[in-house]
């Protein structure tokens, strides 16, 4: 009669995997991994060779700024980074104030956007886009109006018209925030009318 110890020994011997099978399995895995690495290596080398064949050298001709007639001391990019130049001049505000025709042209562009583009956004109920467009125009618009007021013969009257315009703009902005199409269109038309009065005043 078999003892408990002999039964455990038989059971262990019966289910133990042969050592040779483990070695063979590991060897096969190593060979497969090595083959994959070789294939990846060959693919990388092939891509490098193809890329090198397609690459073409381009001649770069370096020229001195004197030979091409450039003035590095009067360059807009260099001037914008020159800390010795006043901030307003570096950002172009001084130049805008000195060029009245440029200021009027920019003001007319802002007026056109408020008069046309903004109306389209309101009619489509694109409220966030409407408010964003309005704000884009107001930054330069206020600066340009101040520039034209300073050059106007009637500074007090021009300043009063600017105030009336921005009063309508405040009402327009409030209507846009409330998503009220009827009032937004009303104050948009009123604001454009006030801006036309200002333009006529400053000439």
Protein backbone atom coordinates (compact mmCIF):
# COMPACT_ATOMS: atom_id res chain seq x y z
CA UNK A 1 0.00 0.00 0.00
CA UNK A 2 1.43 3.38 -1.06
CA UNK A 3 2.20 5.86 1.63
CA UNK A 4 1.22 9.57 1.52
CA UNK A 5 4.83 10.57 0.89
CA UNK A 6 5.16 8.27 -2.13
CA UNK A 7 1.88 9.62 -3.59
CA UNK A 8 3.13 13.22 -3.36
CA UNK A 9 6.35 12.17 -5.11
CA UNK A 10 4.45 10.48 -7.93
CA UNK A 11 2.15 13.49 -8.37
CA UNK A 12 5.05 15.92 -8.52
CA UNK A 13 6.94 13.79 -11.02
CA UNK A 14 3.87 13.41 -13.22
CA UNK A 15 3.10 17.13 -13.68
CA UNK A 16 6.65 18.57 -13.75
CA UNK A 17 7.49 20.01 -17.18
CA UNK A 18 10.62 18.59 -18.79
CA UNK A 19 13.64 20.88 -18.46
CA UNK A 20 14.48 20.45 -22.13
CA UNK A 21 11.06 21.82 -23.20
CA UNK A 22 11.63 25.02 -21.21
CA UNK A 23 15.03 25.50 -22.78
CA UNK A 24 13.68 24.97 -26.28
CA UNK A 25 10.82 27.42 -25.71
CA UNK A 26 13.16 30.13 -24.43
CA UNK A 27 15.51 29.55 -27.33
CA UNK A 28 12.66 29.94 -29.84
CA UNK A 29 11.54 33.20 -28.20
CA UNK A 30 15.07 34.58 -28.31
CA UNK A 31 15.41 33.66 -31.97
CA UNK A 32 12.07 35.35 -32.83
CA UNK A 33 13.04 38.49 -30.92
CA UNK A 34 16.42 38.57 -32.62
CA UNK A 35 14.76 38.20 -36.02
CA UNK A 36 12.40 41.11 -35.29
CA UNK A 37 15.31 43.33 -34.23
CA UNK A 38 17.17 42.49 -37.42
CA UNK A 39 14.14 43.31 -39.56
CA UNK A 40 13.62 46.63 -37.78
CA UNK A 41 17.28 47.43 -38.17
CA UNK A 42 17.18 46.71 -41.90
CA UNK A 43 14.05 48.85 -42.30
CA UNK A 44 15.72 51.77 -40.53
CA UNK A 45 18.84 51.51 -42.70
CA UNK A 46 16.70 51.36 -45.85
CA UNK A 47 14.76 54.47 -44.87
CA UNK A 48 18.00 56.30 -44.14
CA UNK A 49 19.46 55.36 -47.52
CA UNK A 50 16.29 56.40 -49.39
CA UNK A 51 16.15 59.71 -47.52
CA UNK A 52 19.78 60.41 -48.26
CA UNK A 53 19.25 59.73 -51.95
CA UNK A 54 16.29 62.13 -52.12
CA UNK A 55 18.07 64.92 -50.22
CA UNK A 56 19.61 67.58 -52.38
CA UNK A 57 22.17 70.13 -51.36
CA UNK A 58 21.13 73.79 -51.73
CA UNK A 59 23.70 76.51 -52.12
CA UNK A 60 23.32 79.39 -49.67
CA UNK A 61 24.65 82.73 -50.75
CA UNK A 62 25.59 85.06 -47.93
CA UNK A 63 25.61 88.76 -48.74
CA UNK A 64 26.80 91.70 -46.74
CA UNK A 65 24.08 94.23 -45.97
CA UNK A 66 26.14 96.98 -47.61
CA UNK A 67 26.20 95.16 -50.97
CA UNK A 68 22.42 94.76 -51.21
CA UNK A 69 21.63 98.28 -50.09
CA UNK A 70 20.11 97.44 -46.70
CA UNK A 71 20.33 99.75 -43.74
CA UNK A 72 20.39 97.67 -40.60
CA UNK A 73 20.15 100.82 -38.49
CA UNK A 74 16.79 101.73 -40.03
CA UNK A 75 15.10 98.34 -39.93
CA UNK A 76 11.57 97.99 -38.50
CA UNK A 77 12.36 94.69 -36.79
CA UNK A 78 15.49 96.03 -35.15
CA UNK A 79 13.74 99.26 -34.17
CA UNK A 80 10.95 97.28 -32.46
CA UNK A 81 13.54 95.60 -30.22
CA UNK A 82 15.66 98.70 -29.54
CA UNK A 83 15.04 99.67 -25.91
CA UNK A 84 16.61 103.08 -26.51
CA UNK A 85 13.60 104.02 -28.66
CA UNK A 86 10.46 105.17 -26.75
CA UNK A 87 7.78 102.52 -26.31
CA UNK A 88 5.11 104.44 -28.26
CA UNK A 89 7.45 104.83 -31.20
CA UNK A 90 8.49 101.17 -31.15
CA UNK A 91 4.84 100.06 -31.24
CA UNK A 92 3.96 102.49 -34.04
CA UNK A 93 1.61 104.74 -32.04
CA UNK A 94 3.68 107.86 -32.63
CA UNK A 95 3.85 107.21 -36.37
CA UNK A 96 0.07 106.68 -36.50
CA UNK A 97 -0.59 109.99 -34.77
CA UNK A 98 1.70 111.83 -37.16
CA UNK A 99 0.05 110.34 -40.29
CA UNK A 100 -3.50 111.72 -40.38
CA UNK A 101 -4.39 110.00 -43.66
CA UNK A 102 -3.36 106.63 -42.22
CA UNK A 103 -5.40 107.29 -39.08
CA UNK A 104 -8.52 108.22 -41.05
CA UNK A 105 -8.13 105.15 -43.29
CA UNK A 106 -7.90 102.86 -40.27
CA UNK A 107 -10.91 104.53 -38.66
CA UNK A 108 -12.93 104.02 -41.84
CA UNK A 109 -11.95 100.35 -41.87
CA UNK A 110 -13.21 99.93 -38.30
CA UNK A 111 -16.43 101.74 -39.24
CA UNK A 112 -16.93 99.37 -42.19
CA UNK A 113 -16.54 96.31 -39.98
CA UNK A 114 -19.02 97.62 -37.40
CA UNK A 115 -21.41 98.64 -40.15
CA UNK A 116 -21.27 95.41 -42.17
CA UNK A 117 -19.56 92.44 -40.49
CA UNK A 118 -21.08 93.07 -37.08
CA UNK A 119 -24.60 93.25 -38.51
CA UNK A 120 -24.15 89.86 -40.18
CA UNK A 121 -23.04 88.29 -36.88
CA UNK A 122 -26.01 89.81 -35.04
CA UNK A 123 -28.48 88.61 -37.65
CA UNK A 124 -27.01 85.11 -37.32
CA UNK A 125 -27.22 85.34 -33.50
CA UNK A 126 -23.50 84.68 -33.20
CA UNK A 127 -23.26 86.58 -29.94
CA UNK A 128 -19.73 85.67 -28.86
CA UNK A 129 -18.40 86.42 -32.34
CA UNK A 130 -20.27 89.74 -32.34
CA UNK A 131 -18.76 90.83 -29.05
CA UNK A 132 -15.28 89.73 -30.13
CA UNK A 133 -15.56 91.69 -33.40
CA UNK A 134 -16.76 94.79 -31.57
CA UNK A 135 -13.85 94.67 -29.15
CA UNK A 136 -11.34 94.16 -31.94
CA UNK A 137 -12.39 97.46 -33.49
CA UNK A 138 -12.71 99.56 -30.34
CA UNK A 139 -9.02 99.42 -29.35
CA UNK A 140 -7.66 101.19 -32.43
CA UNK A 141 -10.86 103.17 -32.88
CA UNK A 142 -10.48 105.02 -29.59
CA UNK A 143 -6.83 105.80 -30.33
CA UNK A 144 -7.61 107.03 -33.84
CA UNK A 145 -10.47 109.20 -32.63
CA UNK A 146 -8.20 110.82 -30.04
CA UNK A 147 -5.61 111.47 -32.75
CA UNK A 148 -8.17 113.17 -34.97
CA UNK A 149 -9.56 115.16 -32.05
CA UNK A 150 -6.08 116.49 -31.29
CA UNK A 151 -5.75 117.66 -34.91
CA UNK A 152 -9.27 119.10 -35.04
CA UNK A 153 -10.06 122.80 -34.94
CA UNK A 154 -13.02 122.06 -32.63
CA UNK A 155 -11.57 119.73 -30.04
CA UNK A 156 -14.42 120.19 -27.57
CA UNK A 157 -17.14 119.43 -30.10
CA UNK A 158 -15.24 116.43 -31.50
CA UNK A 159 -14.68 115.02 -28.02
CA UNK A 160 -18.40 115.35 -27.28
CA UNK A 161 -19.27 113.39 -30.41
CA UNK A 162 -16.81 110.68 -29.43
CA UNK A 163 -18.48 110.42 -26.03
CA UNK A 164 -21.91 110.07 -27.67
CA UNK A 165 -20.56 107.33 -29.93
CA UNK A 166 -19.19 105.29 -27.04
CA UNK A 167 -22.44 105.72 -25.12
CA UNK A 168 -24.20 103.91 -27.98
CA UNK A 169 -21.40 101.34 -28.04
CA UNK A 170 -21.97 100.57 -24.35
CA UNK A 171 -25.67 99.99 -25.02
CA UNK A 172 -24.79 97.83 -28.00
CA UNK A 173 -22.40 95.71 -25.98
CA UNK A 174 -25.01 95.25 -23.25
CA UNK A 175 -27.56 94.11 -25.85
CA UNK A 176 -25.07 91.60 -27.22
CA UNK A 177 -24.47 90.18 -23.75
CA UNK A 178 -28.23 89.87 -23.26
CA UNK A 179 -28.54 88.28 -26.74
CA UNK A 180 -31.25 90.77 -27.70
CA UNK A 181 -31.20 90.93 -31.49
CA UNK A 182 -33.69 93.78 -31.85
CA UNK A 183 -31.90 96.14 -29.47
CA UNK A 184 -28.48 95.12 -30.72
CA UNK A 185 -29.40 96.13 -34.28
CA UNK A 186 -30.93 99.36 -33.00
CA UNK A 187 -27.83 100.45 -31.07
CA UNK A 188 -25.52 99.27 -33.84
CA UNK A 189 -27.26 101.59 -36.31
CA UNK A 190 -27.20 104.43 -33.78
CA UNK A 191 -23.49 103.92 -33.10
CA UNK A 192 -22.66 104.04 -36.82
CA UNK A 193 -24.69 107.25 -37.13
CA UNK A 194 -22.76 108.86 -34.27
CA UNK A 195 -19.48 107.75 -35.81
CA UNK A 196 -20.47 109.35 -39.12
CA UNK A 197 -21.18 112.60 -37.26
CA UNK A 198 -17.71 112.42 -35.70
CA UNK A 199 -16.04 111.80 -39.06
CA UNK A 200 -17.83 114.78 -40.59
CA UNK A 201 -16.75 116.94 -37.65
CA UNK A 202 -13.04 116.16 -37.77
CA UNK A 203 -12.91 116.32 -41.57
